[in-house]
């Protein structure tokens, strides 16, 4: 048994390791492009304004957009599947605490072409793929198709709703959103309803 191990297994192991380290494929990945920027609902300098039932205004300034830069890495996948990911983060300012936070992060996978939007709404975090998720939304817990939403005589199309069941770190109970306009409506478990005020 020991002889078979040293004669067959060890050489195979050495060969595999040599193949793994010598056949690494140099992969060049692009950064987040100007065309990719078209998929973001906000620009630097935008000020999002939401109004509650008592006409109180809540402001979220967009202060920066951080974009991933081009990079290279050695891909050692035996099937030659070398994935690149690029992203952009929309940085907003919490005017109440004067702290910065990532409001939306868009991640794009070069191989699958998926565009994953990751949202952070007052510590309520969720993600959505506008290209693929609508076909499976019936199987997605807490996500719903609203289709259209009217706010102050403005009709928003292709709207989705996500609900929250965990209120340990947030009061947000639901968020209405779409790809082109971003966050449209926020409801809280204390009865507050915040609606986007279009300029």
Protein backbone atom coordinates (compact mmCIF):
# COMPACT_ATOMS: atom_id res chain seq x y z
CA UNK A 1 0.00 0.00 0.00
CA UNK A 2 2.77 2.42 0.95
CA UNK A 3 4.69 1.56 -2.21
CA UNK A 4 1.63 2.20 -4.40
CA UNK A 5 1.09 5.50 -2.62
CA UNK A 6 4.61 6.74 -3.28
CA UNK A 7 4.75 5.42 -6.85
CA UNK A 8 1.35 6.67 -8.06
CA UNK A 9 -0.20 9.22 -5.72
CA UNK A 10 2.85 11.37 -4.98
CA UNK A 11 3.82 11.92 -8.65
CA UNK A 12 0.22 12.79 -9.49
CA UNK A 13 0.11 15.25 -6.62
CA UNK A 14 3.35 16.88 -7.71
CA UNK A 15 2.14 17.10 -11.31
CA UNK A 16 -1.13 18.67 -10.23
CA UNK A 17 0.64 21.28 -8.10
CA UNK A 18 3.02 22.14 -10.94
CA UNK A 19 0.08 22.51 -13.31
CA UNK A 20 -1.80 24.66 -10.81
CA UNK A 21 1.02 27.12 -10.27
CA UNK A 22 2.49 27.20 -13.79
CA UNK A 23 -0.74 27.43 -15.77
CA UNK A 24 -2.25 30.40 -13.98
CA UNK A 25 -3.93 32.67 -16.50
CA UNK A 26 -3.28 36.38 -16.23
CA UNK A 27 -6.67 38.03 -16.32
CA UNK A 28 -7.20 41.72 -16.93
CA UNK A 29 -10.38 43.23 -15.51
CA UNK A 30 -11.81 46.59 -16.45
CA UNK A 31 -12.90 49.21 -13.98
CA UNK A 32 -16.38 50.66 -13.69
CA UNK A 33 -16.97 52.45 -17.01
CA UNK A 34 -18.87 55.54 -18.14
CA UNK A 35 -21.42 53.25 -19.80
CA UNK A 36 -21.85 51.41 -16.50
CA UNK A 37 -22.62 54.76 -14.85
CA UNK A 38 -25.84 54.93 -16.87
CA UNK A 39 -27.21 52.15 -14.66
CA UNK A 40 -27.01 54.31 -11.53
CA UNK A 41 -30.12 56.25 -10.48
CA UNK A 42 -28.20 59.13 -8.89
CA UNK A 43 -25.31 61.47 -9.66
CA UNK A 44 -22.90 63.35 -7.44
CA UNK A 45 -24.59 66.54 -6.30
CA UNK A 46 -28.11 65.12 -6.30
CA UNK A 47 -30.20 65.80 -3.21
CA UNK A 48 -32.92 63.28 -2.48
CA UNK A 49 -35.89 64.74 -0.67
CA UNK A 50 -38.60 62.70 1.02
CA UNK A 51 -41.77 64.10 2.57
CA UNK A 52 -43.85 62.48 5.31
CA UNK A 53 -47.57 62.80 6.09
CA UNK A 54 -46.96 65.97 8.10
CA UNK A 55 -45.03 67.68 5.28
CA UNK A 56 -41.71 67.24 7.07
CA UNK A 57 -38.77 67.07 4.67
CA UNK A 58 -36.00 64.51 4.97
CA UNK A 59 -32.91 65.16 2.85
CA UNK A 60 -30.23 62.73 1.62
CA UNK A 61 -27.37 64.44 -0.27
CA UNK A 62 -25.33 62.34 -2.72
CA UNK A 63 -21.75 63.41 -2.07
CA UNK A 64 -19.64 60.94 -4.04
CA UNK A 65 -19.56 57.89 -6.29
CA UNK A 66 -16.62 55.57 -5.74
CA UNK A 67 -15.78 53.39 -8.75
CA UNK A 68 -13.61 50.30 -8.99
CA UNK A 69 -10.43 50.65 -11.03
CA UNK A 70 -8.92 48.25 -13.62
CA UNK A 71 -6.94 45.39 -12.09
CA UNK A 72 -5.21 42.12 -13.00
CA UNK A 73 -5.00 38.80 -11.22
CA UNK A 74 -3.78 35.27 -11.86
CA UNK A 75 -6.70 32.96 -12.41
CA UNK A 76 -6.03 29.32 -11.56
CA UNK A 77 -9.47 27.92 -12.26
CA UNK A 78 -8.97 24.52 -13.96
CA UNK A 79 -11.98 25.18 -16.20
CA UNK A 80 -10.65 28.56 -17.29
CA UNK A 81 -13.56 30.45 -15.72
CA UNK A 82 -11.98 33.71 -14.63
CA UNK A 83 -14.52 36.13 -13.26
CA UNK A 84 -14.08 39.88 -13.12
CA UNK A 85 -16.24 42.10 -10.97
CA UNK A 86 -16.52 45.85 -11.14
CA UNK A 87 -18.62 48.07 -8.93
CA UNK A 88 -19.65 51.57 -7.97
CA UNK A 89 -20.81 52.82 -4.59
CA UNK A 90 -23.15 55.77 -4.21
CA UNK A 91 -22.02 57.60 -1.10
CA UNK A 92 -24.64 59.63 0.76
CA UNK A 93 -24.59 61.81 3.82
CA UNK A 94 -26.72 61.22 6.89
CA UNK A 95 -27.63 64.80 7.70
CA UNK A 96 -28.85 63.86 11.18
CA UNK A 97 -25.51 62.38 12.28
CA UNK A 98 -23.21 63.98 9.67
CA UNK A 99 -21.86 60.55 8.72
CA UNK A 100 -21.25 59.08 5.28
CA UNK A 101 -22.68 55.74 4.20
CA UNK A 102 -23.09 53.62 1.07
CA UNK A 103 -26.67 54.08 -0.11
CA UNK A 104 -26.46 51.84 -3.18
CA UNK A 105 -23.71 49.57 -4.47
CA UNK A 106 -23.94 48.26 -8.04
CA UNK A 107 -21.89 45.13 -8.77
CA UNK A 108 -21.43 43.90 -12.33
CA UNK A 109 -20.13 40.40 -13.09
CA UNK A 110 -18.23 40.18 -16.38
CA UNK A 111 -18.99 36.51 -17.01
CA UNK A 112 -22.68 36.30 -16.20
CA UNK A 113 -23.47 39.93 -16.94
CA UNK A 114 -25.53 40.22 -13.77
CA UNK A 115 -26.10 43.67 -12.29
CA UNK A 116 -26.69 43.38 -8.55
CA UNK A 117 -27.96 46.47 -6.76
CA UNK A 118 -27.32 46.43 -3.01
CA UNK A 119 -29.35 48.94 -1.00
CA UNK A 120 -28.85 50.31 2.49
CA UNK A 121 -31.96 52.17 3.65
CA UNK A 122 -31.55 53.22 7.28
CA UNK A 123 -29.77 49.93 8.07
CA UNK A 124 -32.32 47.88 6.14
CA UNK A 125 -30.19 46.01 3.58
CA UNK A 126 -31.43 44.16 0.52
CA UNK A 127 -30.28 43.38 -3.02
CA UNK A 128 -31.99 43.10 -6.38
CA UNK A 129 -31.14 42.18 -9.98
CA UNK A 130 -33.54 44.07 -12.26
CA UNK A 131 -32.72 41.90 -15.27
CA UNK A 132 -33.20 38.45 -13.75
CA UNK A 133 -35.07 38.67 -10.44
CA UNK A 134 -38.48 39.77 -11.83
CA UNK A 135 -38.90 36.37 -13.51
CA UNK A 136 -38.53 34.62 -10.15
CA UNK A 137 -40.08 37.18 -7.83
CA UNK A 138 -42.88 34.76 -6.93
CA UNK A 139 -40.26 32.60 -5.25
CA UNK A 140 -38.48 35.52 -3.55
CA UNK A 141 -39.54 36.08 0.02
CA UNK A 142 -40.57 39.66 0.84
CA UNK A 143 -40.34 40.96 -2.76
CA UNK A 144 -43.38 42.03 -4.77
CA UNK A 145 -44.15 43.60 -8.15
CA UNK A 146 -46.03 46.88 -7.78
CA UNK A 147 -45.64 47.81 -11.47
CA UNK A 148 -46.71 51.46 -11.17
CA UNK A 149 -46.72 53.92 -8.29
CA UNK A 150 -48.21 57.43 -8.26
CA UNK A 151 -46.56 60.04 -6.04
CA UNK A 152 -47.65 63.68 -6.26
CA UNK A 153 -49.12 63.26 -9.75
CA UNK A 154 -45.95 61.56 -11.01
CA UNK A 155 -46.32 57.97 -12.19
CA UNK A 156 -43.33 55.66 -11.72
CA UNK A 157 -43.23 52.42 -13.72
CA UNK A 158 -41.58 49.04 -13.16
CA UNK A 159 -41.75 49.47 -9.40
CA UNK A 160 -40.92 46.77 -6.86
CA UNK A 161 -41.58 46.51 -3.15
CA UNK A 162 -39.51 44.79 -0.49
CA UNK A 163 -40.70 44.24 3.06
CA UNK A 164 -38.70 43.86 6.24
CA UNK A 165 -39.38 41.45 9.10
CA UNK A 166 -36.40 42.24 11.32
CA UNK A 167 -36.62 45.50 13.27
CA UNK A 168 -33.66 45.00 15.56
CA UNK A 169 -31.53 47.62 13.77
CA UNK A 170 -34.05 49.59 11.74
CA UNK A 171 -37.60 50.92 11.76
CA UNK A 172 -38.01 50.52 8.00
CA UNK A 173 -40.86 48.14 7.21
CA UNK A 174 -40.95 48.42 3.42
CA UNK A 175 -39.24 50.15 0.49
CA UNK A 176 -40.64 50.89 -2.97
CA UNK A 177 -37.98 51.28 -5.67
CA UNK A 178 -37.21 51.00 -9.35
CA UNK A 179 -34.08 50.97 -11.50
CA UNK A 180 -34.27 54.40 -13.10
CA UNK A 181 -35.44 56.56 -10.18
CA UNK A 182 -34.06 54.64 -7.20
CA UNK A 183 -35.86 54.86 -3.87
CA UNK A 184 -39.44 56.04 -4.20
CA UNK A 185 -41.21 55.34 -0.94
CA UNK A 186 -40.27 54.22 2.56
CA UNK A 187 -42.65 53.02 5.25
CA UNK A 188 -41.75 52.51 8.89
CA UNK A 189 -43.20 50.37 11.64
CA UNK A 190 -44.24 53.50 13.58
CA UNK A 191 -46.62 54.52 10.80
CA UNK A 192 -44.35 57.06 9.10
CA UNK A 193 -44.56 57.13 5.32
CA UNK A 194 -41.84 58.92 3.34
CA UNK A 195 -42.42 59.64 -0.33
CA UNK A 196 -39.88 60.85 -2.84
CA UNK A 197 -40.38 64.48 -3.80
CA UNK A 198 -39.60 64.96 -7.46
CA UNK A 199 -38.08 68.35 -8.27
